[in-house]
Amino acid sequence: MKVQWGSCSPAGRITLNPLLVKAPRECIDYVLLHELCHLLHHNHSPKFYQALDRHMPRWRAIKEKLDNMVEEVFRG
């Protein structure tokens, strides 16, 4: 199941899924950082991922953790 935890509009408006508050803090931090990186790079280009890597080197493991708890977050 794919879930959109956050989005960033072309105008720079960041919107977060309210159910994100049920996730662990590191997952919330990851989603916030992901959307903030979109303020610099409004795409998923190599530069976008370089920015994520620079500010949160473990983001891939944290994203996987969040992706694996989707059902738990939505159920609870």
N, C-alpha and C. Protein backbone atom coordinates (compact mmCIF):
# COMPACT_ATOMS: atom_id res chain seq x y z
N MET A 1 0.84 -1.18 0.00
CA MET A 1 0.00 0.00 0.00
C MET A 1 0.89 1.24 0.00
N LYS A 2 0.65 2.11 -0.92
CA LYS A 2 1.41 3.36 -0.99
C LYS A 2 0.63 4.46 -0.26
N VAL A 3 1.34 5.25 0.50
CA VAL A 3 0.73 6.35 1.25
C VAL A 3 1.53 7.61 0.98
N GLN A 4 0.84 8.69 0.81
CA GLN A 4 1.53 9.97 0.68
C GLN A 4 1.56 10.60 2.07
N TRP A 5 2.74 10.64 2.64
CA TRP A 5 2.91 11.20 3.98
C TRP A 5 3.03 12.71 3.96
N GLY A 6 3.47 13.24 2.84
CA GLY A 6 3.62 14.69 2.73
C GLY A 6 3.72 15.09 1.28
N SER A 7 3.58 16.38 1.06
CA SER A 7 3.74 16.91 -0.29
C SER A 7 4.25 18.34 -0.19
N CYS A 8 4.82 18.80 -1.28
CA CYS A 8 5.31 20.18 -1.37
C CYS A 8 4.84 20.73 -2.71
N SER A 9 4.04 21.76 -2.67
CA SER A 9 3.51 22.35 -3.90
C SER A 9 4.60 23.14 -4.62
N PRO A 10 4.41 23.42 -5.90
CA PRO A 10 5.38 24.26 -6.62
C PRO A 10 5.58 25.63 -5.96
N ALA A 11 4.58 26.08 -5.23
CA ALA A 11 4.69 27.37 -4.53
C ALA A 11 5.41 27.24 -3.19
N GLY A 12 5.75 26.00 -2.80
CA GLY A 12 6.48 25.80 -1.55
C GLY A 12 5.61 25.52 -0.35
N ARG A 13 4.34 25.19 -0.57
CA ARG A 13 3.45 24.87 0.54
C ARG A 13 3.61 23.39 0.89
N ILE A 14 4.01 23.13 2.12
CA ILE A 14 4.20 21.76 2.59
C ILE A 14 2.95 21.32 3.33
N THR A 15 2.46 20.14 2.94
CA THR A 15 1.28 19.54 3.56
C THR A 15 1.68 18.18 4.09
N LEU A 16 1.28 17.87 5.32
CA LEU A 16 1.61 16.58 5.93
C LEU A 16 0.34 15.80 6.22
N ASN A 17 0.41 14.49 6.07
CA ASN A 17 -0.68 13.60 6.41
C ASN A 17 -0.87 13.64 7.93
N PRO A 18 -2.07 13.93 8.44
CA PRO A 18 -2.27 14.02 9.89
C PRO A 18 -1.95 12.72 10.64
N LEU A 19 -2.05 11.58 9.97
CA LEU A 19 -1.74 10.31 10.63
C LEU A 19 -0.24 10.14 10.89
N LEU A 20 0.55 11.01 10.33
CA LEU A 20 2.00 10.96 10.55
C LEU A 20 2.33 11.11 12.03
N VAL A 21 1.49 11.78 12.80
CA VAL A 21 1.76 11.97 14.23
C VAL A 21 1.81 10.63 14.98
N LYS A 22 1.27 9.56 14.40
CA LYS A 22 1.30 8.25 15.03
C LYS A 22 2.62 7.51 14.78
N ALA A 23 3.43 8.04 13.90
CA ALA A 23 4.70 7.40 13.54
C ALA A 23 5.79 7.81 14.53
N PRO A 24 6.86 7.03 14.62
CA PRO A 24 7.99 7.40 15.47
C PRO A 24 8.62 8.73 15.03
N ARG A 25 9.23 9.39 15.96
CA ARG A 25 9.82 10.72 15.72
C ARG A 25 10.78 10.73 14.53
N GLU A 26 11.63 9.71 14.42
CA GLU A 26 12.59 9.70 13.32
C GLU A 26 11.89 9.62 11.97
N CYS A 27 10.73 8.97 11.92
CA CYS A 27 9.96 8.90 10.67
C CYS A 27 9.34 10.25 10.34
N ILE A 28 8.85 10.93 11.36
CA ILE A 28 8.30 12.27 11.16
C ILE A 28 9.41 13.20 10.66
N ASP A 29 10.57 13.12 11.29
CA ASP A 29 11.71 13.94 10.87
C ASP A 29 12.08 13.67 9.42
N TYR A 30 12.05 12.39 9.03
CA TYR A 30 12.37 12.03 7.64
C TYR A 30 11.38 12.68 6.67
N VAL A 31 10.09 12.57 6.95
CA VAL A 31 9.08 13.14 6.05
C VAL A 31 9.24 14.65 5.96
N LEU A 32 9.46 15.30 7.10
CA LEU A 32 9.67 16.75 7.09
C LEU A 32 10.90 17.11 6.26
N LEU A 33 12.00 16.40 6.47
CA LEU A 33 13.21 16.69 5.71
C LEU A 33 12.99 16.45 4.22
N HIS A 34 12.30 15.36 3.88
CA HIS A 34 12.01 15.05 2.49
C HIS A 34 11.29 16.23 1.83
N GLU A 35 10.28 16.74 2.50
CA GLU A 35 9.52 17.85 1.92
C GLU A 35 10.34 19.14 1.90
N LEU A 36 11.15 19.37 2.92
CA LEU A 36 12.02 20.55 2.92
C LEU A 36 13.03 20.49 1.77
N CYS A 37 13.53 19.29 1.47
CA CYS A 37 14.46 19.15 0.34
C CYS A 37 13.78 19.51 -0.97
N HIS A 38 12.46 19.33 -1.04
CA HIS A 38 11.73 19.72 -2.24
C HIS A 38 11.69 21.24 -2.42
N LEU A 39 11.93 21.98 -1.37
CA LEU A 39 12.03 23.44 -1.52
C LEU A 39 13.27 23.81 -2.32
N LEU A 40 14.30 22.97 -2.24
CA LEU A 40 15.54 23.18 -3.00
C LEU A 40 15.47 22.54 -4.38
N HIS A 41 14.89 21.35 -4.43
CA HIS A 41 14.85 20.55 -5.67
C HIS A 41 13.45 19.97 -5.77
N HIS A 42 12.60 20.56 -6.60
CA HIS A 42 11.20 20.12 -6.67
C HIS A 42 11.04 18.92 -7.60
N ASN A 43 11.81 17.89 -7.30
CA ASN A 43 11.81 16.66 -8.08
C ASN A 43 12.54 15.60 -7.25
N HIS A 44 12.75 14.46 -7.81
CA HIS A 44 13.52 13.41 -7.15
C HIS A 44 14.80 13.15 -7.95
N SER A 45 15.51 14.22 -8.22
CA SER A 45 16.76 14.17 -8.97
C SER A 45 17.91 13.71 -8.06
N PRO A 46 19.05 13.41 -8.66
CA PRO A 46 20.23 13.08 -7.84
C PRO A 46 20.56 14.17 -6.82
N LYS A 47 20.38 15.44 -7.19
CA LYS A 47 20.67 16.53 -6.24
C LYS A 47 19.71 16.50 -5.05
N PHE A 48 18.46 16.14 -5.31
CA PHE A 48 17.48 16.00 -4.22
C PHE A 48 17.97 14.94 -3.24
N TYR A 49 18.36 13.77 -3.78
CA TYR A 49 18.81 12.67 -2.91
C TYR A 49 20.14 12.99 -2.23
N GLN A 50 20.98 13.77 -2.87
CA GLN A 50 22.22 14.21 -2.23
C GLN A 50 21.92 15.07 -1.01
N ALA A 51 20.91 15.93 -1.14
CA ALA A 51 20.52 16.77 0.00
C ALA A 51 19.99 15.91 1.14
N LEU A 52 19.15 14.92 0.83
CA LEU A 52 18.66 14.01 1.87
C LEU A 52 19.82 13.28 2.53
N ASP A 53 20.74 12.75 1.72
CA ASP A 53 21.90 12.03 2.26
C ASP A 53 22.74 12.92 3.17
N ARG A 54 22.90 14.17 2.78
CA ARG A 54 23.74 15.09 3.55
C ARG A 54 23.14 15.35 4.93
N HIS A 55 21.83 15.50 5.00
CA HIS A 55 21.19 15.89 6.26
C HIS A 55 20.68 14.72 7.09
N MET A 56 20.47 13.56 6.44
CA MET A 56 19.99 12.37 7.15
C MET A 56 20.55 11.13 6.45
N PRO A 57 21.78 10.78 6.76
CA PRO A 57 22.43 9.65 6.07
C PRO A 57 21.66 8.34 6.15
N ARG A 58 20.87 8.13 7.19
CA ARG A 58 20.13 6.87 7.37
C ARG A 58 18.70 6.94 6.83
N TRP A 59 18.39 7.91 5.98
CA TRP A 59 17.01 8.11 5.57
C TRP A 59 16.41 6.89 4.91
N ARG A 60 17.19 6.10 4.19
CA ARG A 60 16.63 4.93 3.50
C ARG A 60 16.07 3.90 4.50
N ALA A 61 16.80 3.65 5.57
CA ALA A 61 16.33 2.71 6.60
C ALA A 61 15.10 3.26 7.31
N ILE A 62 15.08 4.56 7.54
CA ILE A 62 13.94 5.18 8.21
C ILE A 62 12.71 5.15 7.31
N LYS A 63 12.90 5.41 6.02
CA LYS A 63 11.79 5.34 5.07
C LYS A 63 11.23 3.93 5.02
N GLU A 64 12.10 2.94 5.00
CA GLU A 64 11.65 1.54 4.98
C GLU A 64 10.84 1.22 6.24
N LYS A 65 11.32 1.71 7.38
CA LYS A 65 10.59 1.50 8.63
C LYS A 65 9.19 2.11 8.54
N LEU A 66 9.10 3.32 8.03
CA LEU A 66 7.80 3.99 7.88
C LEU A 66 6.92 3.24 6.89
N ASP A 67 7.49 2.84 5.77
CA ASP A 67 6.72 2.10 4.76
C ASP A 67 6.18 0.78 5.33
N ASN A 68 6.94 0.15 6.21
CA ASN A 68 6.53 -1.14 6.77
C ASN A 68 5.49 -1.00 7.88
N MET A 69 5.25 0.20 8.34
CA MET A 69 4.27 0.37 9.41
C MET A 69 3.00 1.07 8.95
N VAL A 70 2.80 1.17 7.64
CA VAL A 70 1.63 1.86 7.09
C VAL A 70 0.33 1.28 7.66
N GLU A 71 0.17 -0.03 7.60
CA GLU A 71 -1.06 -0.65 8.08
C GLU A 71 -1.27 -0.38 9.56
N GLU A 72 -0.21 -0.46 10.34
CA GLU A 72 -0.29 -0.22 11.79
C GLU A 72 -0.74 1.21 12.07
N VAL A 73 -0.19 2.17 11.36
CA VAL A 73 -0.53 3.58 11.57
C VAL A 73 -1.98 3.83 11.20
N PHE A 74 -2.43 3.27 10.08
CA PHE A 74 -3.80 3.51 9.63
C PHE A 74 -4.82 2.74 10.47
N ARG A 75 -4.41 1.57 10.97
CA ARG A 75 -5.32 0.75 11.75
C ARG A 75 -5.52 1.33 13.15
N GLY A 76 -4.40 1.81 13.75
CA GLY A 76 -4.44 2.24 15.14
C GLY A 76 -4.93 3.61 15.28
